[in-house]
Protein backbone atom coordinates (compact mmCIF):
# COMPACT_ATOMS: atom_id res chain seq x y z
CA UNK A 1 0.00 0.00 0.00
CA UNK A 2 2.76 2.45 0.89
CA UNK A 3 4.57 2.09 -2.43
CA UNK A 4 1.32 2.65 -4.30
CA UNK A 5 0.49 5.79 -2.33
CA UNK A 6 3.99 7.17 -2.87
CA UNK A 7 3.60 6.62 -6.63
CA UNK A 8 0.15 8.22 -6.56
CA UNK A 9 1.53 11.22 -4.65
CA UNK A 10 4.33 11.65 -7.19
CA UNK A 11 1.96 11.37 -10.14
CA UNK A 12 -0.38 13.97 -8.64
CA UNK A 13 2.54 16.33 -8.01
CA UNK A 14 3.77 15.84 -11.59
CA UNK A 15 0.27 16.66 -12.85
CA UNK A 16 0.01 19.66 -10.47
CA UNK A 17 -2.94 18.07 -8.69
CA UNK A 18 -1.60 19.13 -5.33
CA UNK A 19 -4.80 18.62 -3.36
CA UNK A 20 -5.01 15.04 -4.64
CA UNK A 21 -1.35 14.48 -3.75
CA UNK A 22 -2.13 15.60 -0.22
CA UNK A 23 -5.02 13.16 -0.05
CA UNK A 24 -2.92 10.25 -1.34
CA UNK A 25 -0.35 10.45 1.45
CA UNK A 26 -2.87 11.41 4.07
CA UNK A 27 -4.34 7.92 3.71
CA UNK A 28 -1.02 6.58 5.01
CA UNK A 29 -0.32 9.26 7.56
CA UNK A 30 -3.71 9.84 9.21
CA UNK A 31 -4.18 6.45 10.92
CA UNK A 32 -0.65 6.75 12.35
CA UNK A 33 -0.58 10.50 13.01
CA UNK A 34 0.00 10.19 16.76
CA UNK A 35 3.10 8.03 16.36
CA UNK A 36 6.50 9.60 16.87
CA UNK A 37 7.91 7.40 14.10
CA UNK A 38 10.22 9.43 11.83
CA UNK A 39 8.77 7.88 8.66
CA UNK A 40 5.25 8.94 9.66
CA UNK A 41 6.47 12.45 10.41
CA UNK A 42 8.33 12.57 7.10
CA UNK A 43 5.10 11.67 5.32
CA UNK A 44 3.49 14.59 7.14
CA UNK A 45 6.23 16.80 5.73
CA UNK A 46 5.47 15.66 2.19
CA UNK A 47 1.80 16.41 2.80
CA UNK A 48 2.82 19.90 3.89
CA UNK A 49 4.76 20.35 0.64
CA UNK A 50 1.67 19.45 -1.38
CA UNK A 51 -0.43 21.87 0.68
CA UNK A 52 2.16 24.58 0.11
CA UNK A 53 1.91 24.09 -3.66
CA UNK A 54 -1.89 24.13 -3.53
CA UNK A 55 -1.84 27.39 -1.58
CA UNK A 56 0.56 28.88 -4.11
CA UNK A 57 -1.72 27.74 -6.92
CA UNK A 58 -4.55 29.63 -5.20
CA UNK A 59 -2.46 32.79 -4.94
CA UNK A 60 -1.87 32.55 -1.20
CA UNK A 61 1.88 33.10 -1.32
CA UNK A 62 2.47 34.05 2.32
CA UNK A 63 0.59 31.01 3.63
CA UNK A 64 2.37 28.80 1.09
CA UNK A 65 5.78 29.87 2.40
CA UNK A 66 4.72 29.20 5.97
CA UNK A 67 3.57 25.66 5.15
CA UNK A 68 6.74 25.08 3.10
CA UNK A 69 8.75 25.90 6.22
CA UNK A 70 6.90 23.03 7.93
CA UNK A 71 7.96 20.73 5.11
CA UNK A 72 11.58 21.79 5.61
CA UNK A 73 11.31 21.04 9.32
CA UNK A 74 10.24 17.46 8.59
CA UNK A 75 12.62 17.00 5.65
CA UNK A 76 15.57 16.59 7.99
CA UNK A 77 13.98 13.28 9.02
CA UNK A 78 15.14 11.87 5.66
CA UNK A 79 18.43 11.20 7.40
CA UNK A 80 16.83 9.57 10.44
CA UNK A 81 14.29 7.34 8.73
CA UNK A 82 15.07 3.68 8.24
CA UNK A 83 12.57 2.55 5.64
CA UNK A 84 12.50 0.31 2.61
CA UNK A 85 11.05 3.38 0.85
CA UNK A 86 14.12 5.50 1.67
CA UNK A 87 15.12 5.96 -1.98
CA UNK A 88 11.55 6.94 -2.89
CA UNK A 89 11.54 9.54 -0.12
CA UNK A 90 14.88 10.99 -1.25
CA UNK A 91 13.62 11.21 -4.83
CA UNK A 92 10.38 12.87 -3.70
CA UNK A 93 12.27 15.48 -1.71
CA UNK A 94 14.48 16.31 -4.69
CA UNK A 95 11.49 16.65 -7.00
CA UNK A 96 9.50 18.73 -4.53
CA UNK A 97 12.39 21.11 -3.97
CA UNK A 98 13.03 21.45 -7.71
CA UNK A 99 9.36 22.29 -8.23
CA UNK A 100 9.43 24.79 -5.38
CA UNK A 101 12.45 26.53 -6.92
CA UNK A 102 10.75 26.56 -10.31
CA UNK A 103 7.56 28.14 -8.92
CA UNK A 104 9.35 30.83 -6.88
PDB file of N, CA and C in Angstrom:
ATOM      1  N   UNK A   1       0.825  -1.201   0.000  1.00  0.00           N
ATOM      2  CA  UNK A   1       0.000   0.000   0.000  1.00  0.00           C
ATOM      3  C   UNK A   1       0.868   1.264   0.000  1.00  0.00           C
ATOM      4  N   UNK A   2       1.920   1.266   0.797  1.00  0.00           N
ATOM      5  CA  UNK A   2       2.762   2.454   0.890  1.00  0.00           C
ATOM      6  C   UNK A   2       3.376   2.803  -0.456  1.00  0.00           C
ATOM      7  N   UNK A   3       3.937   1.821  -1.131  1.00  0.00           N
ATOM      8  CA  UNK A   3       4.570   2.086  -2.432  1.00  0.00           C
ATOM      9  C   UNK A   3       3.559   2.673  -3.412  1.00  0.00           C
ATOM     10  N   UNK A   4       2.354   2.143  -3.414  1.00  0.00           N
ATOM     11  CA  UNK A   4       1.318   2.655  -4.302  1.00  0.00           C
ATOM     12  C   UNK A   4       0.936   4.090  -3.996  1.00  0.00           C
ATOM     13  N   UNK A   5       0.855   4.424  -2.723  1.00  0.00           N
ATOM     14  CA  UNK A   5       0.492   5.787  -2.332  1.00  0.00           C
ATOM     15  C   UNK A   5       1.621   6.772  -2.642  1.00  0.00           C
ATOM     16  N   UNK A   6       2.861   6.319  -2.511  1.00  0.00           N
ATOM     17  CA  UNK A   6       3.991   7.175  -2.870  1.00  0.00           C
ATOM     18  C   UNK A   6       3.956   7.463  -4.374  1.00  0.00           C
ATOM     19  N   UNK A   7       3.706   6.437  -5.176  1.00  0.00           N
ATOM     20  CA  UNK A   7       3.602   6.624  -6.634  1.00  0.00           C
ATOM     21  C   UNK A   7       2.442   7.538  -6.992  1.00  0.00           C
ATOM     22  N   UNK A   8       1.314   7.362  -6.309  1.00  0.00           N
ATOM     23  CA  UNK A   8       0.151   8.218  -6.558  1.00  0.00           C
ATOM     24  C   UNK A   8       0.467   9.668  -6.210  1.00  0.00           C
ATOM     25  N   UNK A   9       1.127   9.875  -5.076  1.00  0.00           N
ATOM     26  CA  UNK A   9       1.527  11.217  -4.650  1.00  0.00           C
ATOM     27  C   UNK A   9       2.401  11.863  -5.728  1.00  0.00           C
ATOM     28  N   UNK A  10       3.426  11.123  -6.180  1.00  0.00           N
ATOM     29  CA  UNK A  10       4.335  11.652  -7.187  1.00  0.00           C
ATOM     30  C   UNK A  10       3.601  11.992  -8.481  1.00  0.00           C
ATOM     31  N   UNK A  11       2.716  11.113  -8.912  1.00  0.00           N
ATOM     32  CA  UNK A  11       1.960  11.367 -10.143  1.00  0.00           C
ATOM     33  C   UNK A  11       1.108  12.631 -10.001  1.00  0.00           C
ATOM     34  N   UNK A  12       0.451  12.773  -8.872  1.00  0.00           N
ATOM     35  CA  UNK A  12      -0.380  13.968  -8.644  1.00  0.00           C
ATOM     36  C   UNK A  12       0.474  15.233  -8.635  1.00  0.00           C
ATOM     37  N   UNK A  13       1.643  15.173  -8.023  1.00  0.00           N
ATOM     38  CA  UNK A  13       2.542  16.334  -8.010  1.00  0.00           C
ATOM     39  C   UNK A  13       2.958  16.663  -9.444  1.00  0.00           C
ATOM     40  N   UNK A  14       3.352  15.636 -10.197  1.00  0.00           N
ATOM     41  CA  UNK A  14       3.766  15.844 -11.594  1.00  0.00           C
ATOM     42  C   UNK A  14       2.659  16.483 -12.424  1.00  0.00           C
ATOM     43  N   UNK A  15       1.420  16.129 -12.114  1.00  0.00           N
ATOM     44  CA  UNK A  15       0.269  16.664 -12.850  1.00  0.00           C
ATOM     45  C   UNK A  15      -0.289  17.939 -12.213  1.00  0.00           C
ATOM     46  N   UNK A  16       0.406  18.446 -11.202  1.00  0.00           N
ATOM     47  CA  UNK A  16       0.012  19.656 -10.468  1.00  0.00           C
ATOM     48  C   UNK A  16      -1.373  19.532  -9.849  1.00  0.00           C
ATOM     49  N   UNK A  17      -1.708  18.329  -9.442  1.00  0.00           N
ATOM     50  CA  UNK A  17      -2.937  18.070  -8.688  1.00  0.00           C
ATOM     51  C   UNK A  17      -2.536  17.946  -7.218  1.00  0.00           C
ATOM     52  N   UNK A  18      -2.209  19.087  -6.656  1.00  0.00           N
ATOM     53  CA  UNK A  18      -1.600  19.126  -5.328  1.00  0.00           C
ATOM     54  C   UNK A  18      -2.558  18.696  -4.222  1.00  0.00           C
ATOM     55  N   UNK A  19      -3.817  19.053  -4.356  1.00  0.00           N
ATOM     56  CA  UNK A  19      -4.799  18.622  -3.358  1.00  0.00           C
ATOM     57  C   UNK A  19      -4.901  17.094  -3.355  1.00  0.00           C
ATOM     58  N   UNK A  20      -4.938  16.498  -4.537  1.00  0.00           N
ATOM     59  CA  UNK A  20      -5.008  15.040  -4.640  1.00  0.00           C
ATOM     60  C   UNK A  20      -3.747  14.377  -4.092  1.00  0.00           C
ATOM     61  N   UNK A  21      -2.609  15.011  -4.305  1.00  0.00           N
ATOM     62  CA  UNK A  21      -1.347  14.484  -3.754  1.00  0.00           C
ATOM     63  C   UNK A  21      -1.430  14.447  -2.232  1.00  0.00           C
ATOM     64  N   UNK A  22      -1.926  15.520  -1.666  1.00  0.00           N
ATOM     65  CA  UNK A  22      -2.130  15.603  -0.216  1.00  0.00           C
ATOM     66  C   UNK A  22      -2.997  14.454   0.265  1.00  0.00           C
ATOM     67  N   UNK A  23      -4.079  14.221  -0.437  1.00  0.00           N
ATOM     68  CA  UNK A  23      -5.017  13.158  -0.052  1.00  0.00           C
ATOM     69  C   UNK A  23      -4.378  11.773  -0.139  1.00  0.00           C
ATOM     70  N   UNK A  24      -3.554  11.562  -1.146  1.00  0.00           N
ATOM     71  CA  UNK A  24      -2.919  10.249  -1.338  1.00  0.00           C
ATOM     72  C   UNK A  24      -2.064   9.873  -0.131  1.00  0.00           C
ATOM     73  N   UNK A  25      -1.213  10.783   0.304  1.00  0.00           N
ATOM     74  CA  UNK A  25      -0.350  10.454   1.447  1.00  0.00           C
ATOM     75  C   UNK A  25      -1.081  10.530   2.776  1.00  0.00           C
ATOM     76  N   UNK A  26      -2.128  11.324   2.817  1.00  0.00           N
ATOM     77  CA  UNK A  26      -2.873  11.406   4.072  1.00  0.00           C
ATOM     78  C   UNK A  26      -3.490  10.056   4.437  1.00  0.00           C
ATOM     79  N   UNK A  27      -3.811   9.260   3.440  1.00  0.00           N
ATOM     80  CA  UNK A  27      -4.345   7.923   3.715  1.00  0.00           C
ATOM     81  C   UNK A  27      -3.341   7.070   4.490  1.00  0.00           C
ATOM     82  N   UNK A  28      -2.060   7.287   4.248  1.00  0.00           N
ATOM     83  CA  UNK A  28      -1.025   6.575   5.007  1.00  0.00           C
ATOM     84  C   UNK A  28      -0.805   7.211   6.373  1.00  0.00           C
ATOM     85  N   UNK A  29      -0.713   8.520   6.364  1.00  0.00           N
ATOM     86  CA  UNK A  29      -0.325   9.256   7.563  1.00  0.00           C
ATOM     87  C   UNK A  29      -1.421   9.289   8.629  1.00  0.00           C
ATOM     88  N   UNK A  30      -2.643   9.565   8.240  1.00  0.00           N
ATOM     89  CA  UNK A  30      -3.712   9.844   9.206  1.00  0.00           C
ATOM     90  C   UNK A  30      -3.897   8.747  10.258  1.00  0.00           C
ATOM     91  N   UNK A  31      -3.981   7.472   9.889  1.00  0.00           N
ATOM     92  CA  UNK A  31      -4.179   6.451  10.916  1.00  0.00           C
ATOM     93  C   UNK A  31      -3.011   6.347  11.902  1.00  0.00           C
ATOM     94  N   UNK A  32      -1.841   6.858  11.505  1.00  0.00           N
ATOM     95  CA  UNK A  32      -0.648   6.751  12.352  1.00  0.00           C
ATOM     96  C   UNK A  32      -0.175   8.101  12.873  1.00  0.00           C
ATOM     97  N   UNK A  33      -0.997   9.124  12.750  1.00  0.00           N
ATOM     98  CA  UNK A  33      -0.577  10.503  13.007  1.00  0.00           C
ATOM     99  C   UNK A  33      -0.080  10.775  14.420  1.00  0.00           C
ATOM    100  N   UNK A  34      -0.432   9.949  15.382  1.00  0.00           N
ATOM    101  CA  UNK A  34      -0.004  10.188  16.758  1.00  0.00           C
ATOM    102  C   UNK A  34       1.302   9.470  17.098  1.00  0.00           C
ATOM    103  N   UNK A  35       1.830   8.718  16.144  1.00  0.00           N
ATOM    104  CA  UNK A  35       3.097   8.032  16.358  1.00  0.00           C
ATOM    105  C   UNK A  35       4.257   9.016  16.245  1.00  0.00           C
ATOM    106  N   UNK A  36       5.316   8.746  16.963  1.00  0.00           N
ATOM    107  CA  UNK A  36       6.505   9.596  16.873  1.00  0.00           C
ATOM    108  C   UNK A  36       7.515   9.028  15.881  1.00  0.00           C
ATOM    109  N   UNK A  37       7.099   8.050  15.113  1.00  0.00           N
ATOM    110  CA  UNK A  37       7.912   7.405  14.097  1.00  0.00           C
ATOM    111  C   UNK A  37       8.387   8.430  13.067  1.00  0.00           C
ATOM    112  N   UNK A  38       9.680   8.427  12.764  1.00  0.00           N
ATOM    113  CA  UNK A  38      10.224   9.425  11.834  1.00  0.00           C
ATOM    114  C   UNK A  38       9.656   9.287  10.422  1.00  0.00           C
ATOM    115  N   UNK A  39       9.338   8.062  10.004  1.00  0.00           N
ATOM    116  CA  UNK A  39       8.765   7.880   8.662  1.00  0.00           C
ATOM    117  C   UNK A  39       7.372   8.511   8.583  1.00  0.00           C
ATOM    118  N   UNK A  40       6.587   8.353   9.616  1.00  0.00           N
ATOM    119  CA  UNK A  40       5.248   8.944   9.659  1.00  0.00           C
ATOM    120  C   UNK A  40       5.355  10.466   9.637  1.00  0.00           C
ATOM    121  N   UNK A  41       6.287  11.003  10.382  1.00  0.00           N
ATOM    122  CA  UNK A  41       6.473  12.453  10.407  1.00  0.00           C
ATOM    123  C   UNK A  41       7.005  12.970   9.070  1.00  0.00           C
ATOM    124  N   UNK A  42       7.842  12.186   8.417  1.00  0.00           N
ATOM    125  CA  UNK A  42       8.334  12.568   7.096  1.00  0.00           C
ATOM    126  C   UNK A  42       7.185  12.621   6.098  1.00  0.00           C
ATOM    127  N   UNK A  43       6.289  11.659   6.183  1.00  0.00           N
ATOM    128  CA  UNK A  43       5.098  11.674   5.323  1.00  0.00           C
ATOM    129  C   UNK A  43       4.280  12.939   5.571  1.00  0.00           C
ATOM    130  N   UNK A  44       4.190  13.340   6.816  1.00  0.00           N
ATOM    131  CA  UNK A  44       3.488  14.591   7.142  1.00  0.00           C
ATOM    132  C   UNK A  44       4.179  15.774   6.458  1.00  0.00           C
ATOM    133  N   UNK A  45       5.492  15.738   6.417  1.00  0.00           N
ATOM    134  CA  UNK A  45       6.232  16.798   5.734  1.00  0.00           C
ATOM    135  C   UNK A  45       5.902  16.850   4.251  1.00  0.00           C
ATOM    136  N   UNK A  46       5.826  15.693   3.611  1.00  0.00           N
ATOM    137  CA  UNK A  46       5.475  15.665   2.195  1.00  0.00           C
ATOM    138  C   UNK A  46       4.053  16.183   1.974  1.00  0.00           C
ATOM    139  N   UNK A  47       3.170  15.872   2.878  1.00  0.00           N
ATOM    140  CA  UNK A  47       1.799  16.406   2.800  1.00  0.00           C
ATOM    141  C   UNK A  47       1.843  17.927   2.878  1.00  0.00           C
ATOM    142  N   UNK A  48       2.670  18.453   3.778  1.00  0.00           N
ATOM    143  CA  UNK A  48       2.820  19.901   3.895  1.00  0.00           C
ATOM    144  C   UNK A  48       3.334  20.513   2.598  1.00  0.00           C
ATOM    145  N   UNK A  49       4.255  19.830   1.923  1.00  0.00           N
ATOM    146  CA  UNK A  49       4.764  20.346   0.642  1.00  0.00           C
ATOM    147  C   UNK A  49       3.633  20.454  -0.374  1.00  0.00           C
ATOM    148  N   UNK A  50       2.800  19.425  -0.442  1.00  0.00           N
ATOM    149  CA  UNK A  50       1.670  19.453  -1.380  1.00  0.00           C
ATOM    150  C   UNK A  50       0.702  20.583  -1.039  1.00  0.00           C
ATOM    151  N   UNK A  51       0.450  20.775   0.243  1.00  0.00           N
ATOM    152  CA  UNK A  51      -0.426  21.870   0.680  1.00  0.00           C
ATOM    153  C   UNK A  51       0.188  23.213   0.298  1.00  0.00           C
ATOM    154  N   UNK A  52       1.479  23.343   0.473  1.00  0.00           N
ATOM    155  CA  UNK A  52       2.160  24.583   0.106  1.00  0.00           C
ATOM    156  C   UNK A  52       1.965  24.900  -1.371  1.00  0.00           C
ATOM    157  N   UNK A  53       2.104  23.876  -2.222  1.00  0.00           N
ATOM    158  CA  UNK A  53       1.909  24.093  -3.656  1.00  0.00           C
ATOM    159  C   UNK A  53       0.457  24.448  -3.983  1.00  0.00           C
ATOM    160  N   UNK A  54      -0.469  23.825  -3.296  1.00  0.00           N
ATOM    161  CA  UNK A  54      -1.887  24.133  -3.532  1.00  0.00           C
ATOM    162  C   UNK A  54      -2.191  25.578  -3.125  1.00  0.00           C
ATOM    163  N   UNK A  55      -1.635  26.002  -2.016  1.00  0.00           N
ATOM    164  CA  UNK A  55      -1.836  27.389  -1.582  1.00  0.00           C
ATOM    165  C   UNK A  55      -1.239  28.362  -2.598  1.00  0.00           C
ATOM    166  N   UNK A  56      -0.072  28.040  -3.098  1.00  0.00           N
ATOM    167  CA  UNK A  56       0.564  28.884  -4.105  1.00  0.00           C
ATOM    168  C   UNK A  56      -0.308  28.953  -5.363  1.00  0.00           C
ATOM    169  N   UNK A  57      -0.840  27.826  -5.753  1.00  0.00           N
ATOM    170  CA  UNK A  57      -1.716  27.740  -6.920  1.00  0.00           C
ATOM    171  C   UNK A  57      -2.939  28.644  -6.750  1.00  0.00           C
ATOM    172  N   UNK A  58      -3.380  28.787  -5.510  1.00  0.00           N
ATOM    173  CA  UNK A  58      -4.549  29.626  -5.204  1.00  0.00           C
ATOM    174  C   UNK A  58      -4.179  31.079  -4.919  1.00  0.00           C
ATOM    175  N   UNK A  59      -2.900  31.413  -5.113  1.00  0.00           N
ATOM    176  CA  UNK A  59      -2.461  32.793  -4.938  1.00  0.00           C
ATOM    177  C   UNK A  59      -2.197  33.195  -3.505  1.00  0.00           C
ATOM    178  N   UNK A  60      -2.095  32.257  -2.619  1.00  0.00           N
ATOM    179  CA  UNK A  60      -1.873  32.547  -1.199  1.00  0.00           C
ATOM    180  C   UNK A  60      -0.392  32.326  -0.859  1.00  0.00           C
ATOM    181  N   UNK A  61       0.429  33.236  -1.372  1.00  0.00           N
ATOM    182  CA  UNK A  61       1.885  33.096  -1.318  1.00  0.00           C
ATOM    183  C   UNK A  61       2.411  33.064   0.114  1.00  0.00           C
ATOM    184  N   UNK A  62       1.964  33.976   0.943  1.00  0.00           N
ATOM    185  CA  UNK A  62       2.465  34.052   2.319  1.00  0.00           C
ATOM    186  C   UNK A  62       2.172  32.749   3.076  1.00  0.00           C
ATOM    187  N   UNK A  63       0.953  32.253   2.951  1.00  0.00           N
ATOM    188  CA  UNK A  63       0.588  31.007   3.627  1.00  0.00           C
ATOM    189  C   UNK A  63       1.385  29.833   3.059  1.00  0.00           C
ATOM    190  N   UNK A  64       1.610  29.857   1.746  1.00  0.00           N
ATOM    191  CA  UNK A  64       2.374  28.804   1.093  1.00  0.00           C
ATOM    192  C   UNK A  64       3.784  28.711   1.670  1.00  0.00           C
ATOM    193  N   UNK A  65       4.418  29.848   1.855  1.00  0.00           N
ATOM    194  CA  UNK A  65       5.778  29.869   2.404  1.00  0.00           C
ATOM    195  C   UNK A  65       5.806  29.345   3.836  1.00  0.00           C
ATOM    196  N   UNK A  66       4.788  29.660   4.585  1.00  0.00           N
ATOM    197  CA  UNK A  66       4.719  29.199   5.973  1.00  0.00           C
ATOM    198  C   UNK A  66       4.592  27.663   6.024  1.00  0.00           C
ATOM    199  N   UNK A  67       3.746  27.116   5.175  1.00  0.00           N
ATOM    200  CA  UNK A  67       3.571  25.663   5.148  1.00  0.00           C
ATOM    201  C   UNK A  67       4.828  24.994   4.584  1.00  0.00           C
ATOM    202  N   UNK A  68       5.497  25.628   3.629  1.00  0.00           N
ATOM    203  CA  UNK A  68       6.741  25.082   3.095  1.00  0.00           C
ATOM    204  C   UNK A  68       7.795  24.981   4.212  1.00  0.00           C
ATOM    205  N   UNK A  69       7.812  25.945   5.087  1.00  0.00           N
ATOM    206  CA  UNK A  69       8.750  25.897   6.222  1.00  0.00           C
ATOM    207  C   UNK A  69       8.484  24.665   7.087  1.00  0.00           C
ATOM    208  N   UNK A  70       7.222  24.269   7.209  1.00  0.00           N
ATOM    209  CA  UNK A  70       6.901  23.034   7.934  1.00  0.00           C
ATOM    210  C   UNK A  70       7.482  21.821   7.204  1.00  0.00           C
ATOM    211  N   UNK A  71       7.350  21.810   5.885  1.00  0.00           N
ATOM    212  CA  UNK A  71       7.962  20.730   5.109  1.00  0.00           C
ATOM    213  C   UNK A  71       9.459  20.643   5.410  1.00  0.00           C
ATOM    214  N   UNK A  72      10.133  21.782   5.378  1.00  0.00           N
ATOM    215  CA  UNK A  72      11.579  21.793   5.608  1.00  0.00           C
ATOM    216  C   UNK A  72      11.932  21.261   6.997  1.00  0.00           C
ATOM    217  N   UNK A  73      11.081  21.540   7.964  1.00  0.00           N
ATOM    218  CA  UNK A  73      11.305  21.041   9.324  1.00  0.00           C
ATOM    219  C   UNK A  73      11.287  19.511   9.343  1.00  0.00           C
ATOM    220  N   UNK A  74      10.361  18.927   8.624  1.00  0.00           N
ATOM    221  CA  UNK A  74      10.244  17.464   8.591  1.00  0.00           C
ATOM    222  C   UNK A  74      11.240  16.813   7.629  1.00  0.00           C
ATOM    223  N   UNK A  75      11.697  17.552   6.633  1.00  0.00           N
ATOM    224  CA  UNK A  75      12.616  17.004   5.646  1.00  0.00           C
ATOM    225  C   UNK A  75      13.884  16.453   6.276  1.00  0.00           C
ATOM    226  N   UNK A  76      14.341  17.053   7.343  1.00  0.00           N
ATOM    227  CA  UNK A  76      15.569  16.586   7.991  1.00  0.00           C
ATOM    228  C   UNK A  76      15.436  15.140   8.479  1.00  0.00           C
ATOM    229  N   UNK A  77      14.205  14.658   8.592  1.00  0.00           N
ATOM    230  CA  UNK A  77      13.984  13.276   9.015  1.00  0.00           C
ATOM    231  C   UNK A  77      14.375  12.269   7.930  1.00  0.00           C
ATOM    232  N   UNK A  78      14.635  12.746   6.720  1.00  0.00           N
ATOM    233  CA  UNK A  78      15.136  11.868   5.664  1.00  0.00           C
ATOM    234  C   UNK A  78      16.376  11.113   6.136  1.00  0.00           C
ATOM    235  N   UNK A  79      17.164  11.761   6.956  1.00  0.00           N
ATOM    236  CA  UNK A  79      18.429  11.198   7.401  1.00  0.00           C
ATOM    237  C   UNK A  79      18.291  10.375   8.678  1.00  0.00           C
ATOM    238  N   UNK A  80      17.085  10.324   9.212  1.00  0.00           N
ATOM    239  CA  UNK A  80      16.833   9.571  10.440  1.00  0.00           C
ATOM    240  C   UNK A  80      15.814   8.462  10.245  1.00  0.00           C
ATOM    241  N   UNK A  81      15.323   8.322   9.032  1.00  0.00           N
ATOM    242  CA  UNK A  81      14.285   7.339   8.730  1.00  0.00           C
ATOM    243  C   UNK A  81      14.926   6.085   8.151  1.00  0.00           C
ATOM    244  N   UNK A  82      14.613   4.968   8.760  1.00  0.00           N
ATOM    245  CA  UNK A  82      15.069   3.683   8.245  1.00  0.00           C
ATOM    246  C   UNK A  82      13.853   2.992   7.637  1.00  0.00           C
ATOM    247  N   UNK A  83      13.751   3.056   6.328  1.00  0.00           N
ATOM    248  CA  UNK A  83      12.572   2.548   5.643  1.00  0.00           C
ATOM    249  C   UNK A  83      12.980   1.901   4.330  1.00  0.00           C
ATOM    250  N   UNK A  84      12.228   0.897   3.923  1.00  0.00           N
ATOM    251  CA  UNK A  84      12.497   0.309   2.612  1.00  0.00           C
ATOM    252  C   UNK A  84      12.110   1.261   1.488  1.00  0.00           C
ATOM    253  N   UNK A  85      11.448   2.357   1.827  1.00  0.00           N
ATOM    254  CA  UNK A  85      11.052   3.377   0.849  1.00  0.00           C
ATOM    255  C   UNK A  85      12.004   4.577   0.861  1.00  0.00           C
ATOM    256  N   UNK A  86      13.150   4.407   1.506  1.00  0.00           N
ATOM    257  CA  UNK A  86      14.116   5.497   1.668  1.00  0.00           C
ATOM    258  C   UNK A  86      14.458   6.162   0.336  1.00  0.00           C
ATOM    259  N   UNK A  87      14.770   5.382  -0.678  1.00  0.00           N
ATOM    260  CA  UNK A  87      15.118   5.963  -1.977  1.00  0.00           C
ATOM    261  C   UNK A  87      13.949   6.741  -2.568  1.00  0.00           C
ATOM    262  N   UNK A  88      12.735   6.222  -2.409  1.00  0.00           N
ATOM    263  CA  UNK A  88      11.555   6.940  -2.885  1.00  0.00           C
ATOM    264  C   UNK A  88      11.413   8.287  -2.185  1.00  0.00           C
ATOM    265  N   UNK A  89      11.653   8.289  -0.889  1.00  0.00           N
ATOM    266  CA  UNK A  89      11.544   9.536  -0.120  1.00  0.00           C
ATOM    267  C   UNK A  89      12.609  10.551  -0.549  1.00  0.00           C
ATOM    268  N   UNK A  90      13.830  10.081  -0.771  1.00  0.00           N
ATOM    269  CA  UNK A  90      14.877  10.986  -1.245  1.00  0.00           C
ATOM    270  C   UNK A  90      14.501  11.578  -2.603  1.00  0.00           C
ATOM    271  N   UNK A  91      14.014  10.738  -3.495  1.00  0.00           N
ATOM    272  CA  UNK A  91      13.616  11.206  -4.826  1.00  0.00           C
ATOM    273  C   UNK A  91      12.473  12.217  -4.729  1.00  0.00           C
ATOM    274  N   UNK A  92      11.491  11.924  -3.889  1.00  0.00           N
ATOM    275  CA  UNK A  92      10.383  12.870  -3.700  1.00  0.00           C
ATOM    276  C   UNK A  92      10.890  14.218  -3.220  1.00  0.00           C
ATOM    277  N   UNK A  93      11.780  14.206  -2.253  1.00  0.00           N
ATOM    278  CA  UNK A  93      12.273  15.476  -1.709  1.00  0.00           C
ATOM    279  C   UNK A  93      12.991  16.275  -2.784  1.00  0.00           C
ATOM    280  N   UNK A  94      13.778  15.607  -3.611  1.00  0.00           N
ATOM    281  CA  UNK A  94      14.479  16.307  -4.691  1.00  0.00           C
ATOM    282  C   UNK A  94      13.492  16.917  -5.683  1.00  0.00           C
ATOM    283  N   UNK A  95      12.476  16.156  -6.044  1.00  0.00           N
ATOM    284  CA  UNK A  95      11.492  16.647  -7.004  1.00  0.00           C
ATOM    285  C   UNK A  95      10.659  17.791  -6.426  1.00  0.00           C
ATOM    286  N   UNK A  96      10.285  17.668  -5.169  1.00  0.00           N
ATOM    287  CA  UNK A  96       9.500  18.729  -4.529  1.00  0.00           C
ATOM    288  C   UNK A  96      10.302  20.022  -4.452  1.00  0.00           C
ATOM    289  N   UNK A  97      11.559  19.911  -4.095  1.00  0.00           N
ATOM    290  CA  UNK A  97      12.387  21.110  -3.970  1.00  0.00           C
ATOM    291  C   UNK A  97      12.683  21.734  -5.334  1.00  0.00           C
ATOM    292  N   UNK A  98      12.839  20.912  -6.360  1.00  0.00           N
ATOM    293  CA  UNK A  98      13.028  21.453  -7.711  1.00  0.00           C
ATOM    294  C   UNK A  98      11.764  22.192  -8.165  1.00  0.00           C
ATOM    295  N   UNK A  99      10.619  21.633  -7.865  1.00  0.00           N
ATOM    296  CA  UNK A  99       9.359  22.294  -8.227  1.00  0.00           C
ATOM    297  C   UNK A  99       9.189  23.594  -7.450  1.00  0.00           C
ATOM    298  N   UNK A 100       9.526  23.570  -6.189  1.00  0.00           N
ATOM    299  CA  UNK A 100       9.428  24.793  -5.378  1.00  0.00           C
ATOM    300  C   UNK A 100      10.301  25.894  -5.966  1.00  0.00           C
ATOM    301  N   UNK A 101      11.535  25.545  -6.334  1.00  0.00           N
ATOM    302  CA  UNK A 101      12.452  26.531  -6.919  1.00  0.00           C
ATOM    303  C   UNK A 101      11.925  27.042  -8.260  1.00  0.00           C
ATOM    304  N   UNK A 102      11.306  26.173  -9.015  1.00  0.00           N
ATOM    305  CA  UNK A 102      10.747  26.557 -10.309  1.00  0.00           C
ATOM    306  C   UNK A 102       9.568  27.543 -10.136  1.00  0.00           C
ATOM    307  N   UNK A 103       8.761  27.321  -9.117  1.00  0.00           N
ATOM    308  CA  UNK A 103       7.563  28.137  -8.919  1.00  0.00           C
ATOM    309  C   UNK A 103       7.850  29.464  -8.206  1.00  0.00           C
ATOM    310  N   UNK A 104       9.019  29.578  -7.606  1.00  0.00           N
ATOM    311  CA  UNK A 104       9.346  30.830  -6.880  1.00  0.00           C
ATOM    312  C   UNK A 104      10.395  31.618  -7.586  1.00  0.00           C
TER     313      UNK A 104
END
